[in-house]
Amino acid sequence: CVEVTALIDCGDQPGLVLAALRDGAKHVRFSGRQPVAEKLAAIARQQEAVLVTGRLEALDLLDQPNPQAACRDWLASRLGKDPLR
């Protein structure tokens, strides 16, 4: 069994972060400027949500000849690691 956390990547658009939070998202990623991120993080905390900044580890399946095997191998390598930290 694998625990999954949905994360909405809003890029560097603070308006998208606010819209996602308003719609009930609990994990949102923002890659914009730090002063803006700090304000958005405060808003997220008020809504019991988490604002993630920085680079995330991810699996790109675009050029994978066997996406199912790639997912299985990637998930197996991530056991015990928190992708949001």
PDB file of N, CA and C in Angstrom:
ATOM      1  N   CYS A   1       0.844  -1.172   0.000  1.00  0.00           N
ATOM      2  CA  CYS A   1       0.000   0.000   0.000  1.00  0.00           C
ATOM      3  C   CYS A   1       0.889   1.234   0.000  1.00  0.00           C
ATOM      4  N   VAL A   2       0.580   2.201  -0.817  1.00  0.00           N
ATOM      5  CA  VAL A   2       1.350   3.432  -0.929  1.00  0.00           C
ATOM      6  C   VAL A   2       0.447   4.600  -0.564  1.00  0.00           C
ATOM      7  N   GLU A   3       0.933   5.439   0.316  1.00  0.00           N
ATOM      8  CA  GLU A   3       0.189   6.653   0.667  1.00  0.00           C
ATOM      9  C   GLU A   3       0.469   7.711  -0.387  1.00  0.00           C
ATOM     10  N   VAL A   4      -0.590   8.373  -0.844  1.00  0.00           N
ATOM     11  CA  VAL A   4      -0.460   9.380  -1.890  1.00  0.00           C
ATOM     12  C   VAL A   4      -0.957  10.715  -1.362  1.00  0.00           C
ATOM     13  N   THR A   5      -0.185  11.757  -1.643  1.00  0.00           N
ATOM     14  CA  THR A   5      -0.579  13.118  -1.288  1.00  0.00           C
ATOM     15  C   THR A   5      -0.693  13.934  -2.559  1.00  0.00           C
ATOM     16  N   ALA A   6      -1.855  14.491  -2.819  1.00  0.00           N
ATOM     17  CA  ALA A   6      -2.035  15.336  -3.994  1.00  0.00           C
ATOM     18  C   ALA A   6      -1.399  16.694  -3.724  1.00  0.00           C
ATOM     19  N   LEU A   7      -0.649  17.176  -4.698  1.00  0.00           N
ATOM     20  CA  LEU A   7       0.037  18.461  -4.585  1.00  0.00           C
ATOM     21  C   LEU A   7      -0.268  19.260  -5.842  1.00  0.00           C
ATOM     22  N   ILE A   8      -0.816  20.442  -5.670  1.00  0.00           N
ATOM     23  CA  ILE A   8      -1.112  21.299  -6.816  1.00  0.00           C
ATOM     24  C   ILE A   8       0.076  22.227  -7.025  1.00  0.00           C
ATOM     25  N   ASP A   9       0.708  22.124  -8.195  1.00  0.00           N
ATOM     26  CA  ASP A   9       1.865  22.955  -8.527  1.00  0.00           C
ATOM     27  C   ASP A   9       1.373  24.225  -9.204  1.00  0.00           C
ATOM     28  N   CYS A  10       1.533  25.357  -8.518  1.00  0.00           N
ATOM     29  CA  CYS A  10       1.038  26.631  -9.023  1.00  0.00           C
ATOM     30  C   CYS A  10       2.146  27.476  -9.661  1.00  0.00           C
ATOM     31  N   GLY A  11       3.324  26.875  -9.830  1.00  0.00           N
ATOM     32  CA  GLY A  11       4.428  27.623 -10.437  1.00  0.00           C
ATOM     33  C   GLY A  11       4.727  28.875  -9.633  1.00  0.00           C
ATOM     34  N   ASP A  12       4.953  29.978 -10.327  1.00  0.00           N
ATOM     35  CA  ASP A  12       5.276  31.235  -9.642  1.00  0.00           C
ATOM     36  C   ASP A  12       4.074  32.183  -9.594  1.00  0.00           C
ATOM     37  N   GLN A  13       2.867  31.593  -9.679  1.00  0.00           N
ATOM     38  CA  GLN A  13       1.638  32.394  -9.740  1.00  0.00           C
ATOM     39  C   GLN A  13       0.918  32.427  -8.389  1.00  0.00           C
ATOM     40  N   PRO A  14       1.092  33.501  -7.611  1.00  0.00           N
ATOM     41  CA  PRO A  14       0.439  33.562  -6.298  1.00  0.00           C
ATOM     42  C   PRO A  14      -1.084  33.498  -6.378  1.00  0.00           C
ATOM     43  N   GLY A  15      -1.662  34.004  -7.441  1.00  0.00           N
ATOM     44  CA  GLY A  15      -3.113  33.952  -7.598  1.00  0.00           C
ATOM     45  C   GLY A  15      -3.613  32.515  -7.706  1.00  0.00           C
ATOM     46  N   LEU A  16      -2.838  31.655  -8.357  1.00  0.00           N
ATOM     47  CA  LEU A  16      -3.221  30.250  -8.455  1.00  0.00           C
ATOM     48  C   LEU A  16      -3.146  29.570  -7.093  1.00  0.00           C
ATOM     49  N   VAL A  17      -2.146  29.951  -6.291  1.00  0.00           N
ATOM     50  CA  VAL A  17      -2.036  29.396  -4.935  1.00  0.00           C
ATOM     51  C   VAL A  17      -3.276  29.778  -4.134  1.00  0.00           C
ATOM     52  N   LEU A  18      -3.635  31.037  -4.185  1.00  0.00           N
ATOM     53  CA  LEU A  18      -4.795  31.504  -3.434  1.00  0.00           C
ATOM     54  C   LEU A  18      -6.075  30.809  -3.902  1.00  0.00           C
ATOM     55  N   ALA A  19      -6.212  30.625  -5.208  1.00  0.00           N
ATOM     56  CA  ALA A  19      -7.394  29.944  -5.739  1.00  0.00           C
ATOM     57  C   ALA A  19      -7.432  28.485  -5.277  1.00  0.00           C
ATOM     58  N   ALA A  20      -6.280  27.818  -5.298  1.00  0.00           N
ATOM     59  CA  ALA A  20      -6.224  26.418  -4.861  1.00  0.00           C
ATOM     60  C   ALA A  20      -6.598  26.305  -3.385  1.00  0.00           C
ATOM     61  N   LEU A  21      -6.075  27.205  -2.570  1.00  0.00           N
ATOM     62  CA  LEU A  21      -6.387  27.191  -1.139  1.00  0.00           C
ATOM     63  C   LEU A  21      -7.871  27.474  -0.912  1.00  0.00           C
ATOM     64  N   ARG A  22      -8.401  28.423  -1.662  1.00  0.00           N
ATOM     65  CA  ARG A  22      -9.818  28.772  -1.543  1.00  0.00           C
ATOM     66  C   ARG A  22     -10.700  27.576  -1.909  1.00  0.00           C
ATOM     67  N   ASP A  23     -10.219  26.753  -2.858  1.00  0.00           N
ATOM     68  CA  ASP A  23     -10.984  25.577  -3.283  1.00  0.00           C
ATOM     69  C   ASP A  23     -10.746  24.360  -2.398  1.00  0.00           C
ATOM     70  N   GLY A  24      -9.943  24.529  -1.334  1.00  0.00           N
ATOM     71  CA  GLY A  24      -9.774  23.455  -0.363  1.00  0.00           C
ATOM     72  C   GLY A  24      -8.525  22.610  -0.490  1.00  0.00           C
ATOM     73  N   ALA A  25      -7.602  22.971  -1.368  1.00  0.00           N
ATOM     74  CA  ALA A  25      -6.351  22.205  -1.506  1.00  0.00           C
ATOM     75  C   ALA A  25      -5.582  22.251  -0.187  1.00  0.00           C
ATOM     76  N   LYS A  26      -4.963  21.141   0.171  1.00  0.00           N
ATOM     77  CA  LYS A  26      -4.211  21.056   1.426  1.00  0.00           C
ATOM     78  C   LYS A  26      -2.702  21.048   1.219  1.00  0.00           C
ATOM     79  N   HIS A  27      -2.246  20.819  -0.008  1.00  0.00           N
ATOM     80  CA  HIS A  27      -0.818  20.842  -0.327  1.00  0.00           C
ATOM     81  C   HIS A  27      -0.653  21.580  -1.655  1.00  0.00           C
ATOM     82  N   VAL A  28       0.054  22.706  -1.601  1.00  0.00           N
ATOM     83  CA  VAL A  28       0.215  23.550  -2.773  1.00  0.00           C
ATOM     84  C   VAL A  28       1.695  23.903  -2.910  1.00  0.00           C
ATOM     85  N   ARG A  29       2.206  23.903  -4.147  1.00  0.00           N
ATOM     86  CA  ARG A  29       3.605  24.249  -4.394  1.00  0.00           C
ATOM     87  C   ARG A  29       3.667  25.618  -5.067  1.00  0.00           C
ATOM     88  N   PHE A  30       4.645  26.428  -4.621  1.00  0.00           N
ATOM     89  CA  PHE A  30       4.869  27.761  -5.171  1.00  0.00           C
ATOM     90  C   PHE A  30       6.358  27.938  -5.404  1.00  0.00           C
ATOM     91  N   SER A  31       6.733  28.396  -6.596  1.00  0.00           N
ATOM     92  CA  SER A  31       8.151  28.555  -6.925  1.00  0.00           C
ATOM     93  C   SER A  31       8.547  30.019  -7.129  1.00  0.00           C
ATOM     94  N   GLY A  32       7.711  30.926  -6.654  1.00  0.00           N
ATOM     95  CA  GLY A  32       7.995  32.352  -6.826  1.00  0.00           C
ATOM     96  C   GLY A  32       8.917  32.912  -5.758  1.00  0.00           C
ATOM     97  N   ARG A  33       8.973  34.213  -5.686  1.00  0.00           N
ATOM     98  CA  ARG A  33       9.892  34.919  -4.790  1.00  0.00           C
ATOM     99  C   ARG A  33       9.600  34.621  -3.322  1.00  0.00           C
ATOM    100  N   GLN A  34      10.662  34.602  -2.533  1.00  0.00           N
ATOM    101  CA  GLN A  34      10.583  34.238  -1.119  1.00  0.00           C
ATOM    102  C   GLN A  34       9.638  35.133  -0.300  1.00  0.00           C
ATOM    103  N   PRO A  35       9.689  36.463  -0.475  1.00  0.00           N
ATOM    104  CA  PRO A  35       8.758  37.301   0.325  1.00  0.00           C
ATOM    105  C   PRO A  35       7.289  36.957   0.057  1.00  0.00           C
ATOM    106  N   VAL A  36       6.965  36.645  -1.179  1.00  0.00           N
ATOM    107  CA  VAL A  36       5.596  36.263  -1.529  1.00  0.00           C
ATOM    108  C   VAL A  36       5.282  34.888  -0.934  1.00  0.00           C
ATOM    109  N   ALA A  37       6.255  33.968  -1.011  1.00  0.00           N
ATOM    110  CA  ALA A  37       6.069  32.622  -0.462  1.00  0.00           C
ATOM    111  C   ALA A  37       5.779  32.677   1.032  1.00  0.00           C
ATOM    112  N   GLU A  38       6.452  33.558   1.741  1.00  0.00           N
ATOM    113  CA  GLU A  38       6.224  33.673   3.193  1.00  0.00           C
ATOM    114  C   GLU A  38       4.801  34.114   3.487  1.00  0.00           C
ATOM    115  N   LYS A  39       4.287  35.052   2.718  1.00  0.00           N
ATOM    116  CA  LYS A  39       2.905  35.510   2.915  1.00  0.00           C
ATOM    117  C   LYS A  39       1.908  34.401   2.573  1.00  0.00           C
ATOM    118  N   LEU A  40       2.179  33.692   1.473  1.00  0.00           N
ATOM    119  CA  LEU A  40       1.293  32.594   1.086  1.00  0.00           C
ATOM    120  C   LEU A  40       1.331  31.461   2.108  1.00  0.00           C
ATOM    121  N   ALA A  41       2.504  31.193   2.668  1.00  0.00           N
ATOM    122  CA  ALA A  41       2.633  30.137   3.681  1.00  0.00           C
ATOM    123  C   ALA A  41       1.802  30.476   4.908  1.00  0.00           C
ATOM    124  N   ALA A  42       1.778  31.752   5.286  1.00  0.00           N
ATOM    125  CA  ALA A  42       0.974  32.174   6.435  1.00  0.00           C
ATOM    126  C   ALA A  42      -0.515  31.962   6.156  1.00  0.00           C
ATOM    127  N   ILE A  43      -0.933  32.279   4.951  1.00  0.00           N
ATOM    128  CA  ILE A  43      -2.334  32.076   4.571  1.00  0.00           C
ATOM    129  C   ILE A  43      -2.657  30.577   4.573  1.00  0.00           C
ATOM    130  N   ALA A  44      -1.747  29.774   4.039  1.00  0.00           N
ATOM    131  CA  ALA A  44      -1.954  28.323   4.002  1.00  0.00           C
ATOM    132  C   ALA A  44      -2.090  27.762   5.411  1.00  0.00           C
ATOM    133  N   ARG A  45      -1.226  28.196   6.316  1.00  0.00           N
ATOM    134  CA  ARG A  45      -1.295  27.705   7.702  1.00  0.00           C
ATOM    135  C   ARG A  45      -2.630  28.028   8.339  1.00  0.00           C
ATOM    136  N   GLN A  46      -3.180  29.204   8.057  1.00  0.00           N
ATOM    137  CA  GLN A  46      -4.481  29.577   8.602  1.00  0.00           C
ATOM    138  C   GLN A  46      -5.577  28.625   8.134  1.00  0.00           C
ATOM    139  N   GLN A  47      -5.363  28.001   6.978  1.00  0.00           N
ATOM    140  CA  GLN A  47      -6.355  27.077   6.424  1.00  0.00           C
ATOM    141  C   GLN A  47      -5.937  25.621   6.633  1.00  0.00           C
ATOM    142  N   GLU A  48      -4.977  25.411   7.545  1.00  0.00           N
ATOM    143  CA  GLU A  48      -4.462  24.065   7.844  1.00  0.00           C
ATOM    144  C   GLU A  48      -3.976  23.371   6.580  1.00  0.00           C
ATOM    145  N   ALA A  49      -3.317  24.137   5.721  1.00  0.00           N
ATOM    146  CA  ALA A  49      -2.738  23.625   4.483  1.00  0.00           C
ATOM    147  C   ALA A  49      -1.225  23.824   4.532  1.00  0.00           C
ATOM    148  N   VAL A  50      -0.537  23.240   3.571  1.00  0.00           N
ATOM    149  CA  VAL A  50       0.921  23.310   3.515  1.00  0.00           C
ATOM    150  C   VAL A  50       1.339  23.932   2.189  1.00  0.00           C
ATOM    151  N   LEU A  51       2.204  24.921   2.261  1.00  0.00           N
ATOM    152  CA  LEU A  51       2.794  25.501   1.059  1.00  0.00           C
ATOM    153  C   LEU A  51       4.197  24.930   0.923  1.00  0.00           C
ATOM    154  N   VAL A  52       4.450  24.289  -0.195  1.00  0.00           N
ATOM    155  CA  VAL A  52       5.750  23.686  -0.473  1.00  0.00           C
ATOM    156  C   VAL A  52       6.503  24.598  -1.423  1.00  0.00           C
ATOM    157  N   THR A  53       7.765  24.844  -1.120  1.00  0.00           N
ATOM    158  CA  THR A  53       8.611  25.643  -2.007  1.00  0.00           C
ATOM    159  C   THR A  53       9.834  24.804  -2.367  1.00  0.00           C
ATOM    160  N   GLY A  54      10.552  25.235  -3.345  1.00  0.00           N
ATOM    161  CA  GLY A  54      11.757  24.506  -3.736  1.00  0.00           C
ATOM    162  C   GLY A  54      11.454  23.397  -4.722  1.00  0.00           C
ATOM    163  N   ARG A  55      12.495  22.658  -5.025  1.00  0.00           N
ATOM    164  CA  ARG A  55      12.416  21.596  -6.025  1.00  0.00           C
ATOM    165  C   ARG A  55      11.896  20.297  -5.396  1.00  0.00           C
ATOM    166  N   LEU A  56      11.022  19.617  -6.115  1.00  0.00           N
ATOM    167  CA  LEU A  56      10.500  18.322  -5.689  1.00  0.00           C
ATOM    168  C   LEU A  56      11.101  17.221  -6.547  1.00  0.00           C
ATOM    169  N   GLU A  57      11.281  16.073  -5.944  1.00  0.00           N
ATOM    170  CA  GLU A  57      11.686  14.907  -6.722  1.00  0.00           C
ATOM    171  C   GLU A  57      10.447  14.375  -7.411  1.00  0.00           C
ATOM    172  N   ALA A  58      10.561  14.095  -8.691  1.00  0.00           N
ATOM    173  CA  ALA A  58       9.404  13.627  -9.442  1.00  0.00           C
ATOM    174  C   ALA A  58       9.840  12.619 -10.496  1.00  0.00           C
ATOM    175  N   LEU A  59       8.905  11.862 -10.965  1.00  0.00           N
ATOM    176  CA  LEU A  59       9.141  10.877 -12.003  1.00  0.00           C
ATOM    177  C   LEU A  59       8.528  11.381 -13.301  1.00  0.00           C
ATOM    178  N   ASP A  60       9.323  11.503 -14.330  1.00  0.00           N
ATOM    179  CA  ASP A  60       8.855  11.928 -15.645  1.00  0.00           C
ATOM    180  C   ASP A  60       8.662  10.679 -16.501  1.00  0.00           C
ATOM    181  N   LEU A  61       7.441  10.401 -16.878  1.00  0.00           N
ATOM    182  CA  LEU A  61       7.134   9.194 -17.644  1.00  0.00           C
ATOM    183  C   LEU A  61       7.103   9.420 -19.150  1.00  0.00           C
ATOM    184  N   LEU A  62       7.389  10.631 -19.603  1.00  0.00           N
ATOM    185  CA  LEU A  62       7.243  10.964 -21.010  1.00  0.00           C
ATOM    186  C   LEU A  62       8.000  10.008 -21.927  1.00  0.00           C
ATOM    187  N   ASP A  63       9.257   9.732 -21.639  1.00  0.00           N
ATOM    188  CA  ASP A  63      10.080   8.910 -22.526  1.00  0.00           C
ATOM    189  C   ASP A  63      10.310   7.493 -21.997  1.00  0.00           C
ATOM    190  N   GLN A  64       9.496   7.065 -21.048  1.00  0.00           N
ATOM    191  CA  GLN A  64       9.662   5.731 -20.472  1.00  0.00           C
ATOM    192  C   GLN A  64       9.012   4.675 -21.376  1.00  0.00           C
ATOM    193  N   PRO A  65       9.778   3.673 -21.815  1.00  0.00           N
ATOM    194  CA  PRO A  65       9.187   2.628 -22.657  1.00  0.00           C
ATOM    195  C   PRO A  65       8.196   1.743 -21.884  1.00  0.00           C
ATOM    196  N   ASN A  66       8.380   1.642 -20.562  1.00  0.00           N
ATOM    197  CA  ASN A  66       7.486   0.835 -19.731  1.00  0.00           C
ATOM    198  C   ASN A  66       7.112   1.672 -18.507  1.00  0.00           C
ATOM    199  N   PRO A  67       6.111   2.538 -18.636  1.00  0.00           N
ATOM    200  CA  PRO A  67       5.749   3.436 -17.539  1.00  0.00           C
ATOM    201  C   PRO A  67       5.373   2.716 -16.248  1.00  0.00           C
ATOM    202  N   GLN A  68       4.699   1.567 -16.357  1.00  0.00           N
ATOM    203  CA  GLN A  68       4.293   0.838 -15.163  1.00  0.00           C
ATOM    204  C   GLN A  68       5.522   0.356 -14.387  1.00  0.00           C
ATOM    205  N   ALA A  69       6.504  -0.179 -15.065  1.00  0.00           N
ATOM    206  CA  ALA A  69       7.729  -0.633 -14.398  1.00  0.00           C
ATOM    207  C   ALA A  69       8.494   0.560 -13.831  1.00  0.00           C
ATOM    208  N   ALA A  70       8.510   1.667 -14.556  1.00  0.00           N
ATOM    209  CA  ALA A  70       9.202   2.864 -14.075  1.00  0.00           C
ATOM    210  C   ALA A  70       8.552   3.368 -12.784  1.00  0.00           C
ATOM    211  N   CYS A  71       7.213   3.364 -12.732  1.00  0.00           N
ATOM    212  CA  CYS A  71       6.506   3.788 -11.514  1.00  0.00           C
ATOM    213  C   CYS A  71       6.823   2.848 -10.355  1.00  0.00           C
ATOM    214  N   ARG A  72       6.758   1.563 -10.615  1.00  0.00           N
ATOM    215  CA  ARG A  72       7.039   0.571  -9.577  1.00  0.00           C
ATOM    216  C   ARG A  72       8.450   0.750  -9.018  1.00  0.00           C
ATOM    217  N   ASP A  73       9.441   0.895  -9.911  1.00  0.00           N
ATOM    218  CA  ASP A  73      10.827   1.051  -9.469  1.00  0.00           C
ATOM    219  C   ASP A  73      11.028   2.355  -8.704  1.00  0.00           C
ATOM    220  N   TRP A  74      10.416   3.447  -9.205  1.00  0.00           N
ATOM    221  CA  TRP A  74      10.580   4.743  -8.557  1.00  0.00           C
ATOM    222  C   TRP A  74       9.939   4.740  -7.173  1.00  0.00           C
ATOM    223  N   LEU A  75       8.732   4.194  -7.082  1.00  0.00           N
ATOM    224  CA  LEU A  75       8.058   4.135  -5.785  1.00  0.00           C
ATOM    225  C   LEU A  75       8.820   3.259  -4.799  1.00  0.00           C
ATOM    226  N   ALA A  76       9.356   2.151  -5.280  1.00  0.00           N
ATOM    227  CA  ALA A  76      10.142   1.279  -4.405  1.00  0.00           C
ATOM    228  C   ALA A  76      11.377   2.002  -3.875  1.00  0.00           C
ATOM    229  N   SER A  77      11.973   2.831  -4.694  1.00  0.00           N
ATOM    230  CA  SER A  77      13.165   3.564  -4.259  1.00  0.00           C
ATOM    231  C   SER A  77      12.829   4.677  -3.276  1.00  0.00           C
ATOM    232  N   ARG A  78      11.562   5.087  -3.218  1.00  0.00           N
ATOM    233  CA  ARG A  78      11.129   6.194  -2.367  1.00  0.00           C
ATOM    234  C   ARG A  78      10.546   5.730  -1.039  1.00  0.00           C
ATOM    235  N   LEU A  79      10.420   4.443  -0.812  1.00  0.00           N
ATOM    236  CA  LEU A  79       9.821   3.956   0.430  1.00  0.00           C
ATOM    237  C   LEU A  79      10.503   4.577   1.641  1.00  0.00           C
ATOM    238  N   GLY A  80       9.701   5.139   2.521  1.00  0.00           N
ATOM    239  CA  GLY A  80      10.232   5.739   3.731  1.00  0.00           C
ATOM    240  C   GLY A  80      10.702   7.172   3.577  1.00  0.00           C
ATOM    241  N   LYS A  81      10.598   7.733   2.380  1.00  0.00           N
ATOM    242  CA  LYS A  81      11.018   9.128   2.160  1.00  0.00           C
ATOM    243  C   LYS A  81       9.775   9.994   1.994  1.00  0.00           C
ATOM    244  N   ASP A  82       9.835  11.212   2.507  1.00  0.00           N
ATOM    245  CA  ASP A  82       8.725  12.151   2.395  1.00  0.00           C
ATOM    246  C   ASP A  82       8.984  13.068   1.209  1.00  0.00           C
ATOM    247  N   PRO A  83       8.224  12.971   0.113  1.00  0.00           N
ATOM    248  CA  PRO A  83       8.481  13.791  -1.067  1.00  0.00           C
ATOM    249  C   PRO A  83       8.221  15.272  -0.874  1.00  0.00           C
ATOM    250  N   LEU A  84       7.537  15.649   0.195  1.00  0.00           N
ATOM    251  CA  LEU A  84       7.242  17.060   0.433  1.00  0.00           C
ATOM    252  C   LEU A  84       8.283  17.743   1.300  1.00  0.00           C
ATOM    253  N   ARG A  85       9.305  17.049   1.693  1.00  0.00           N
ATOM    254  CA  ARG A  85      10.349  17.621   2.548  1.00  0.00           C
ATOM    255  C   ARG A  85      11.644  17.728   1.805  1.00  0.00           C
TER     256      ARG A  85
END
